[in-house]
Amino acid sequence: MRMSSIPAHGREGKWDVVSHVAESLITSTMQYNITMDGKVDLFQKFGIDCLFEIMFLAMQVGFEGKGIASALVACLVELAKKYKS
């Protein structure tokens, strides 16, 4: 996943570094999840037949602390419950 759409705002190179770090973190996190999925069968371990996962959730600077992410997660949990039914 390339994050090349982030504007540079006149600071050449700054967002290149941010993009590279973000891309590395995403890649590392996804690889960790793939590795762990291969080691642990969550369906068997918890006796479930359906799994709903939120992998990444972030807020833009200036919008944090307003309850937006909490509201989004609450909606997603309700959606998962409806999907399961």
PDB file of N, CA and C in Angstrom:
ATOM      1  N   MET A   1       0.839  -1.167   0.000  1.00  0.00           N
ATOM      2  CA  MET A   1       0.000   0.000   0.000  1.00  0.00           C
ATOM      3  C   MET A   1       0.890   1.238   0.000  1.00  0.00           C
ATOM      4  N   ARG A   2       0.784   2.038  -1.032  1.00  0.00           N
ATOM      5  CA  ARG A   2       1.553   3.289  -1.107  1.00  0.00           C
ATOM      6  C   ARG A   2       0.692   4.416  -0.569  1.00  0.00           C
ATOM      7  N   MET A   3       1.296   5.290   0.187  1.00  0.00           N
ATOM      8  CA  MET A   3       0.578   6.421   0.752  1.00  0.00           C
ATOM      9  C   MET A   3       1.052   7.703   0.068  1.00  0.00           C
ATOM     10  N   SER A   4       1.140   7.663  -1.247  1.00  0.00           N
ATOM     11  CA  SER A   4       1.713   8.770  -2.004  1.00  0.00           C
ATOM     12  C   SER A   4       0.745   9.934  -2.178  1.00  0.00           C
ATOM     13  N   SER A   5      -0.492   9.784  -1.739  1.00  0.00           N
ATOM     14  CA  SER A   5      -1.455  10.861  -1.922  1.00  0.00           C
ATOM     15  C   SER A   5      -1.387  11.916  -0.823  1.00  0.00           C
ATOM     16  N   ILE A   6      -0.511  11.723   0.176  1.00  0.00           N
ATOM     17  CA  ILE A   6      -0.372  12.707   1.250  1.00  0.00           C
ATOM     18  C   ILE A   6       0.321  13.939   0.697  1.00  0.00           C
ATOM     19  N   PRO A   7      -0.283  15.127   0.837  1.00  0.00           N
ATOM     20  CA  PRO A   7       0.341  16.338   0.297  1.00  0.00           C
ATOM     21  C   PRO A   7       1.614  16.720   1.030  1.00  0.00           C
ATOM     22  N   ALA A   8       2.555  17.291   0.311  1.00  0.00           N
ATOM     23  CA  ALA A   8       3.857  17.646   0.892  1.00  0.00           C
ATOM     24  C   ALA A   8       3.814  18.958   1.655  1.00  0.00           C
ATOM     25  N   HIS A   9       2.851  19.830   1.396  1.00  0.00           N
ATOM     26  CA  HIS A   9       2.725  21.122   2.082  1.00  0.00           C
ATOM     27  C   HIS A   9       4.025  21.919   2.063  1.00  0.00           C
ATOM     28  N   GLY A  10       4.744  21.866   0.948  1.00  0.00           N
ATOM     29  CA  GLY A  10       5.933  22.691   0.800  1.00  0.00           C
ATOM     30  C   GLY A  10       7.179  22.171   1.483  1.00  0.00           C
ATOM     31  N   ARG A  11       7.125  21.066   2.134  1.00  0.00           N
ATOM     32  CA  ARG A  11       8.299  20.501   2.808  1.00  0.00           C
ATOM     33  C   ARG A  11       8.742  19.256   2.052  1.00  0.00           C
ATOM     34  N   GLU A  12       9.590  19.467   1.090  1.00  0.00           N
ATOM     35  CA  GLU A  12      10.058  18.364   0.260  1.00  0.00           C
ATOM     36  C   GLU A  12      10.698  17.284   1.117  1.00  0.00           C
ATOM     37  N   GLY A  13      10.302  16.070   0.885  1.00  0.00           N
ATOM     38  CA  GLY A  13      10.911  14.936   1.555  1.00  0.00           C
ATOM     39  C   GLY A  13      10.265  14.549   2.873  1.00  0.00           C
ATOM     40  N   LYS A  14       9.617  15.478   3.554  1.00  0.00           N
ATOM     41  CA  LYS A  14       9.028  15.164   4.864  1.00  0.00           C
ATOM     42  C   LYS A  14       8.011  14.034   4.745  1.00  0.00           C
ATOM     43  N   TRP A  15       7.089  14.160   3.800  1.00  0.00           N
ATOM     44  CA  TRP A  15       6.048  13.149   3.678  1.00  0.00           C
ATOM     45  C   TRP A  15       6.575  11.866   3.059  1.00  0.00           C
ATOM     46  N   ASP A  16       7.700  11.927   2.342  1.00  0.00           N
ATOM     47  CA  ASP A  16       8.321  10.698   1.851  1.00  0.00           C
ATOM     48  C   ASP A  16       8.727   9.822   3.028  1.00  0.00           C
ATOM     49  N   VAL A  17       9.288  10.449   4.062  1.00  0.00           N
ATOM     50  CA  VAL A  17       9.703   9.709   5.257  1.00  0.00           C
ATOM     51  C   VAL A  17       8.483   9.172   5.978  1.00  0.00           C
ATOM     52  N   VAL A  18       7.459  10.003   6.156  1.00  0.00           N
ATOM     53  CA  VAL A  18       6.232   9.582   6.828  1.00  0.00           C
ATOM     54  C   VAL A  18       5.590   8.431   6.065  1.00  0.00           C
ATOM     55  N   SER A  19       5.531   8.552   4.752  1.00  0.00           N
ATOM     56  CA  SER A  19       4.965   7.486   3.921  1.00  0.00           C
ATOM     57  C   SER A  19       5.725   6.190   4.086  1.00  0.00           C
ATOM     58  N   HIS A  20       7.039   6.283   4.070  1.00  0.00           N
ATOM     59  CA  HIS A  20       7.869   5.080   4.208  1.00  0.00           C
ATOM     60  C   HIS A  20       7.648   4.418   5.562  1.00  0.00           C
ATOM     61  N   VAL A  21       7.625   5.207   6.636  1.00  0.00           N
ATOM     62  CA  VAL A  21       7.414   4.660   7.978  1.00  0.00           C
ATOM     63  C   VAL A  21       6.028   4.035   8.080  1.00  0.00           C
ATOM     64  N   ALA A  22       5.009   4.740   7.592  1.00  0.00           N
ATOM     65  CA  ALA A  22       3.641   4.213   7.641  1.00  0.00           C
ATOM     66  C   ALA A  22       3.530   2.919   6.842  1.00  0.00           C
ATOM     67  N   GLU A  23       4.122   2.910   5.668  1.00  0.00           N
ATOM     68  CA  GLU A  23       4.080   1.713   4.830  1.00  0.00           C
ATOM     69  C   GLU A  23       4.782   0.542   5.515  1.00  0.00           C
ATOM     70  N   SER A  24       5.908   0.803   6.161  1.00  0.00           N
ATOM     71  CA  SER A  24       6.638  -0.244   6.882  1.00  0.00           C
ATOM     72  C   SER A  24       5.826  -0.781   8.045  1.00  0.00           C
ATOM     73  N   LEU A  25       5.175   0.111   8.792  1.00  0.00           N
ATOM     74  CA  LEU A  25       4.353  -0.323   9.925  1.00  0.00           C
ATOM     75  C   LEU A  25       3.168  -1.167   9.471  1.00  0.00           C
ATOM     76  N   ILE A  26       2.530  -0.736   8.409  1.00  0.00           N
ATOM     77  CA  ILE A  26       1.384  -1.492   7.880  1.00  0.00           C
ATOM     78  C   ILE A  26       1.839  -2.863   7.413  1.00  0.00           C
ATOM     79  N   THR A  27       2.934  -2.901   6.667  1.00  0.00           N
ATOM     80  CA  THR A  27       3.460  -4.172   6.168  1.00  0.00           C
ATOM     81  C   THR A  27       3.843  -5.091   7.321  1.00  0.00           C
ATOM     82  N   SER A  28       4.519  -4.554   8.329  1.00  0.00           N
ATOM     83  CA  SER A  28       4.930  -5.359   9.481  1.00  0.00           C
ATOM     84  C   SER A  28       3.727  -5.887  10.243  1.00  0.00           C
ATOM     85  N   THR A  29       2.731  -5.040  10.441  1.00  0.00           N
ATOM     86  CA  THR A  29       1.524  -5.451  11.160  1.00  0.00           C
ATOM     87  C   THR A  29       0.787  -6.541  10.402  1.00  0.00           C
ATOM     88  N   MET A  30       0.655  -6.363   9.101  1.00  0.00           N
ATOM     89  CA  MET A  30      -0.028  -7.376   8.297  1.00  0.00           C
ATOM     90  C   MET A  30       0.739  -8.693   8.310  1.00  0.00           C
ATOM     91  N   GLN A  31       2.065  -8.634   8.228  1.00  0.00           N
ATOM     92  CA  GLN A  31       2.866  -9.857   8.265  1.00  0.00           C
ATOM     93  C   GLN A  31       2.727 -10.551   9.614  1.00  0.00           C
ATOM     94  N   TYR A  32       2.713  -9.777  10.704  1.00  0.00           N
ATOM     95  CA  TYR A  32       2.517 -10.344  12.045  1.00  0.00           C
ATOM     96  C   TYR A  32       1.165 -11.059  12.119  1.00  0.00           C
ATOM     97  N   ASN A  33       0.106 -10.399  11.612  1.00  0.00           N
ATOM     98  CA  ASN A  33      -1.220 -11.008  11.636  1.00  0.00           C
ATOM     99  C   ASN A  33      -1.258 -12.300  10.828  1.00  0.00           C
ATOM    100  N   ILE A  34      -0.620 -12.299   9.673  1.00  0.00           N
ATOM    101  CA  ILE A  34      -0.569 -13.509   8.842  1.00  0.00           C
ATOM    102  C   ILE A  34       0.151 -14.628   9.584  1.00  0.00           C
ATOM    103  N   THR A  35       1.277 -14.295  10.222  1.00  0.00           N
ATOM    104  CA  THR A  35       2.046 -15.283  10.978  1.00  0.00           C
ATOM    105  C   THR A  35       1.212 -15.847  12.126  1.00  0.00           C
ATOM    106  N   MET A  36       0.565 -14.966  12.887  1.00  0.00           N
ATOM    107  CA  MET A  36      -0.225 -15.419  14.030  1.00  0.00           C
ATOM    108  C   MET A  36      -1.439 -16.232  13.587  1.00  0.00           C
ATOM    109  N   ASP A  37      -2.059 -15.838  12.484  1.00  0.00           N
ATOM    110  CA  ASP A  37      -3.189 -16.607  11.961  1.00  0.00           C
ATOM    111  C   ASP A  37      -2.777 -18.038  11.651  1.00  0.00           C
ATOM    112  N   GLY A  38      -1.530 -18.220  11.234  1.00  0.00           N
ATOM    113  CA  GLY A  38      -1.023 -19.549  10.943  1.00  0.00           C
ATOM    114  C   GLY A  38      -0.710 -20.362  12.193  1.00  0.00           C
ATOM    115  N   LYS A  39      -0.519 -19.695  13.328  1.00  0.00           N
ATOM    116  CA  LYS A  39      -0.163 -20.376  14.574  1.00  0.00           C
ATOM    117  C   LYS A  39      -1.360 -20.662  15.469  1.00  0.00           C
ATOM    118  N   VAL A  40      -2.368 -19.823  15.394  1.00  0.00           N
ATOM    119  CA  VAL A  40      -3.513 -19.953  16.291  1.00  0.00           C
ATOM    120  C   VAL A  40      -4.791 -20.025  15.473  1.00  0.00           C
ATOM    121  N   ASP A  41      -5.563 -21.060  15.690  1.00  0.00           N
ATOM    122  CA  ASP A  41      -6.868 -21.184  15.045  1.00  0.00           C
ATOM    123  C   ASP A  41      -7.899 -20.561  15.979  1.00  0.00           C
ATOM    124  N   LEU A  42      -8.199 -19.282  15.760  1.00  0.00           N
ATOM    125  CA  LEU A  42      -9.127 -18.571  16.635  1.00  0.00           C
ATOM    126  C   LEU A  42     -10.515 -19.192  16.628  1.00  0.00           C
ATOM    127  N   PHE A  43     -10.918 -19.740  15.501  1.00  0.00           N
ATOM    128  CA  PHE A  43     -12.238 -20.363  15.406  1.00  0.00           C
ATOM    129  C   PHE A  43     -12.326 -21.557  16.353  1.00  0.00           C
ATOM    130  N   GLN A  44     -11.294 -22.379  16.364  1.00  0.00           N
ATOM    131  CA  GLN A  44     -11.269 -23.538  17.258  1.00  0.00           C
ATOM    132  C   GLN A  44     -11.055 -23.105  18.707  1.00  0.00           C
ATOM    133  N   LYS A  45     -10.106 -22.216  18.938  1.00  0.00           N
ATOM    134  CA  LYS A  45      -9.758 -21.795  20.298  1.00  0.00           C
ATOM    135  C   LYS A  45     -10.947 -21.210  21.049  1.00  0.00           C
ATOM    136  N   PHE A  46     -11.751 -20.386  20.364  1.00  0.00           N
ATOM    137  CA  PHE A  46     -12.872 -19.727  21.026  1.00  0.00           C
ATOM    138  C   PHE A  46     -14.229 -20.328  20.670  1.00  0.00           C
ATOM    139  N   GLY A  47     -14.228 -21.405  19.885  1.00  0.00           N
ATOM    140  CA  GLY A  47     -15.479 -22.060  19.532  1.00  0.00           C
ATOM    141  C   GLY A  47     -16.413 -21.164  18.742  1.00  0.00           C
ATOM    142  N   ILE A  48     -15.866 -20.476  17.753  1.00  0.00           N
ATOM    143  CA  ILE A  48     -16.665 -19.553  16.939  1.00  0.00           C
ATOM    144  C   ILE A  48     -16.674 -20.005  15.488  1.00  0.00           C
ATOM    145  N   ASP A  49     -17.634 -19.494  14.738  1.00  0.00           N
ATOM    146  CA  ASP A  49     -17.673 -19.811  13.310  1.00  0.00           C
ATOM    147  C   ASP A  49     -17.645 -18.546  12.453  1.00  0.00           C
ATOM    148  N   CYS A  50     -17.481 -17.406  13.112  1.00  0.00           N
ATOM    149  CA  CYS A  50     -17.452 -16.133  12.406  1.00  0.00           C
ATOM    150  C   CYS A  50     -16.515 -15.192  13.151  1.00  0.00           C
ATOM    151  N   LEU A  51     -15.729 -14.429  12.412  1.00  0.00           N
ATOM    152  CA  LEU A  51     -14.783 -13.498  13.020  1.00  0.00           C
ATOM    153  C   LEU A  51     -14.871 -12.161  12.305  1.00  0.00           C
ATOM    154  N   PHE A  52     -14.987 -11.101  13.069  1.00  0.00           N
ATOM    155  CA  PHE A  52     -15.042  -9.742  12.538  1.00  0.00           C
ATOM    156  C   PHE A  52     -13.824  -9.008  13.071  1.00  0.00           C
ATOM    157  N   GLU A  53     -13.030  -8.449  12.195  1.00  0.00           N
ATOM    158  CA  GLU A  53     -11.768  -7.840  12.607  1.00  0.00           C
ATOM    159  C   GLU A  53     -11.642  -6.426  12.057  1.00  0.00           C
ATOM    160  N   ILE A  54     -11.281  -5.504  12.942  1.00  0.00           N
ATOM    161  CA  ILE A  54     -10.943  -4.144  12.527  1.00  0.00           C
ATOM    162  C   ILE A  54      -9.427  -4.067  12.600  1.00  0.00           C
ATOM    163  N   MET A  55      -8.778  -3.962  11.452  1.00  0.00           N
ATOM    164  CA  MET A  55      -7.320  -4.005  11.444  1.00  0.00           C
ATOM    165  C   MET A  55      -6.693  -2.634  11.689  1.00  0.00           C
ATOM    166  N   PHE A  56      -7.175  -1.614  11.040  1.00  0.00           N
ATOM    167  CA  PHE A  56      -6.599  -0.281  11.183  1.00  0.00           C
ATOM    168  C   PHE A  56      -7.714   0.741  11.380  1.00  0.00           C
ATOM    169  N   LEU A  57      -7.492   1.637  12.317  1.00  0.00           N
ATOM    170  CA  LEU A  57      -8.425   2.737  12.532  1.00  0.00           C
ATOM    171  C   LEU A  57      -7.618   3.928  13.014  1.00  0.00           C
ATOM    172  N   ALA A  58      -7.706   5.020  12.306  1.00  0.00           N
ATOM    173  CA  ALA A  58      -6.956   6.226  12.672  1.00  0.00           C
ATOM    174  C   ALA A  58      -7.819   7.443  12.399  1.00  0.00           C
ATOM    175  N   MET A  59      -7.515   8.493  13.118  1.00  0.00           N
ATOM    176  CA  MET A  59      -8.225   9.750  12.918  1.00  0.00           C
ATOM    177  C   MET A  59      -7.240  10.805  12.423  1.00  0.00           C
ATOM    178  N   GLN A  60      -7.727  11.674  11.577  1.00  0.00           N
ATOM    179  CA  GLN A  60      -6.911  12.788  11.098  1.00  0.00           C
ATOM    180  C   GLN A  60      -6.665  13.750  12.263  1.00  0.00           C
ATOM    181  N   VAL A  61      -5.479  14.325  12.289  1.00  0.00           N
ATOM    182  CA  VAL A  61      -5.144  15.295  13.322  1.00  0.00           C
ATOM    183  C   VAL A  61      -6.221  16.382  13.365  1.00  0.00           C
ATOM    184  N   GLY A  62      -6.651  16.711  14.557  1.00  0.00           N
ATOM    185  CA  GLY A  62      -7.693  17.712  14.727  1.00  0.00           C
ATOM    186  C   GLY A  62      -9.076  17.110  14.933  1.00  0.00           C
ATOM    187  N   PHE A  63      -9.239  15.837  14.590  1.00  0.00           N
ATOM    188  CA  PHE A  63     -10.525  15.175  14.758  1.00  0.00           C
ATOM    189  C   PHE A  63     -10.500  14.163  15.901  1.00  0.00           C
ATOM    190  N   GLU A  64      -9.327  13.959  16.508  1.00  0.00           N
ATOM    191  CA  GLU A  64      -9.248  12.995  17.599  1.00  0.00           C
ATOM    192  C   GLU A  64      -9.938  13.542  18.844  1.00  0.00           C
ATOM    193  N   GLY A  65     -10.412  12.615  19.706  1.00  0.00           N
ATOM    194  CA  GLY A  65     -11.055  13.011  20.952  1.00  0.00           C
ATOM    195  C   GLY A  65     -12.489  13.500  20.810  1.00  0.00           C
ATOM    196  N   LYS A  66     -13.078  13.325  19.641  1.00  0.00           N
ATOM    197  CA  LYS A  66     -14.449  13.793  19.407  1.00  0.00           C
ATOM    198  C   LYS A  66     -15.454  12.644  19.403  1.00  0.00           C
ATOM    199  N   GLY A  67     -14.976  11.425  19.641  1.00  0.00           N
ATOM    200  CA  GLY A  67     -15.870  10.273  19.673  1.00  0.00           C
ATOM    201  C   GLY A  67     -16.186   9.688  18.312  1.00  0.00           C
ATOM    202  N   ILE A  68     -15.528  10.160  17.271  1.00  0.00           N
ATOM    203  CA  ILE A  68     -15.809   9.681  15.908  1.00  0.00           C
ATOM    204  C   ILE A  68     -15.425   8.209  15.765  1.00  0.00           C
ATOM    205  N   ALA A  69     -14.219   7.850  16.194  1.00  0.00           N
ATOM    206  CA  ALA A  69     -13.768   6.458  16.082  1.00  0.00           C
ATOM    207  C   ALA A  69     -14.632   5.540  16.933  1.00  0.00           C
ATOM    208  N   SER A  70     -14.994   5.979  18.138  1.00  0.00           N
ATOM    209  CA  SER A  70     -15.854   5.169  19.012  1.00  0.00           C
ATOM    210  C   SER A  70     -17.211   4.924  18.359  1.00  0.00           C
ATOM    211  N   ALA A  71     -17.770   5.956  17.751  1.00  0.00           N
ATOM    212  CA  ALA A  71     -19.056   5.821  17.065  1.00  0.00           C
ATOM    213  C   ALA A  71     -18.934   4.881  15.866  1.00  0.00           C
ATOM    214  N   LEU A  72     -17.839   4.998  15.135  1.00  0.00           N
ATOM    215  CA  LEU A  72     -17.607   4.126  13.988  1.00  0.00           C
ATOM    216  C   LEU A  72     -17.498   2.666  14.433  1.00  0.00           C
ATOM    217  N   VAL A  73     -16.733   2.421  15.481  1.00  0.00           N
ATOM    218  CA  VAL A  73     -16.580   1.055  15.985  1.00  0.00           C
ATOM    219  C   VAL A  73     -17.922   0.514  16.476  1.00  0.00           C
ATOM    220  N   ALA A  74     -18.698   1.328  17.179  1.00  0.00           N
ATOM    221  CA  ALA A  74     -20.016   0.889  17.650  1.00  0.00           C
ATOM    222  C   ALA A  74     -20.904   0.480  16.468  1.00  0.00           C
ATOM    223  N   CYS A  75     -20.879   1.267  15.395  1.00  0.00           N
ATOM    224  CA  CYS A  75     -21.655   0.925  14.186  1.00  0.00           C
ATOM    225  C   CYS A  75     -21.157  -0.365  13.557  1.00  0.00           C
ATOM    226  N   LEU A  76     -19.832  -0.537  13.524  1.00  0.00           N
ATOM    227  CA  LEU A  76     -19.267  -1.749  12.941  1.00  0.00           C
ATOM    228  C   LEU A  76     -19.604  -2.992  13.767  1.00  0.00           C
ATOM    229  N   VAL A  77     -19.629  -2.853  15.079  1.00  0.00           N
ATOM    230  CA  VAL A  77     -20.016  -3.976  15.950  1.00  0.00           C
ATOM    231  C   VAL A  77     -21.473  -4.358  15.674  1.00  0.00           C
ATOM    232  N   GLU A  78     -22.346  -3.368  15.547  1.00  0.00           N
ATOM    233  CA  GLU A  78     -23.747  -3.650  15.232  1.00  0.00           C
ATOM    234  C   GLU A  78     -23.878  -4.324  13.866  1.00  0.00           C
ATOM    235  N   LEU A  79     -23.101  -3.852  12.895  1.00  0.00           N
ATOM    236  CA  LEU A  79     -23.101  -4.465  11.572  1.00  0.00           C
ATOM    237  C   LEU A  79     -22.658  -5.919  11.651  1.00  0.00           C
ATOM    238  N   ALA A  80     -21.624  -6.179  12.438  1.00  0.00           N
ATOM    239  CA  ALA A  80     -21.131  -7.552  12.596  1.00  0.00           C
ATOM    240  C   ALA A  80     -22.192  -8.438  13.234  1.00  0.00           C
ATOM    241  N   LYS A  81     -22.897  -7.916  14.215  1.00  0.00           N
ATOM    242  CA  LYS A  81     -23.968  -8.683  14.866  1.00  0.00           C
ATOM    243  C   LYS A  81     -25.078  -9.014  13.870  1.00  0.00           C
ATOM    244  N   LYS A  82     -25.436  -8.048  13.022  1.00  0.00           N
ATOM    245  CA  LYS A  82     -26.469  -8.287  12.008  1.00  0.00           C
ATOM    246  C   LYS A  82     -25.997  -9.304  10.981  1.00  0.00           C
ATOM    247  N   TYR A  83     -24.711  -9.202  10.603  1.00  0.00           N
ATOM    248  CA  TYR A  83     -24.146 -10.136   9.618  1.00  0.00           C
ATOM    249  C   TYR A  83     -24.157 -11.559  10.165  1.00  0.00           C
ATOM    250  N   LYS A  84     -23.866 -11.698  11.453  1.00  0.00           N
ATOM    251  CA  LYS A  84     -23.812 -13.005  12.100  1.00  0.00           C
ATOM    252  C   LYS A  84     -25.184 -13.662  12.153  1.00  0.00           C
ATOM    253  N   SER A  85     -26.226 -12.854  12.314  1.00  0.00           N
ATOM    254  CA  SER A  85     -27.596 -13.381  12.467  1.00  0.00           C
ATOM    255  C   SER A  85     -28.123 -14.031  11.222  1.00  0.00           C
TER     256      SER A  85
END
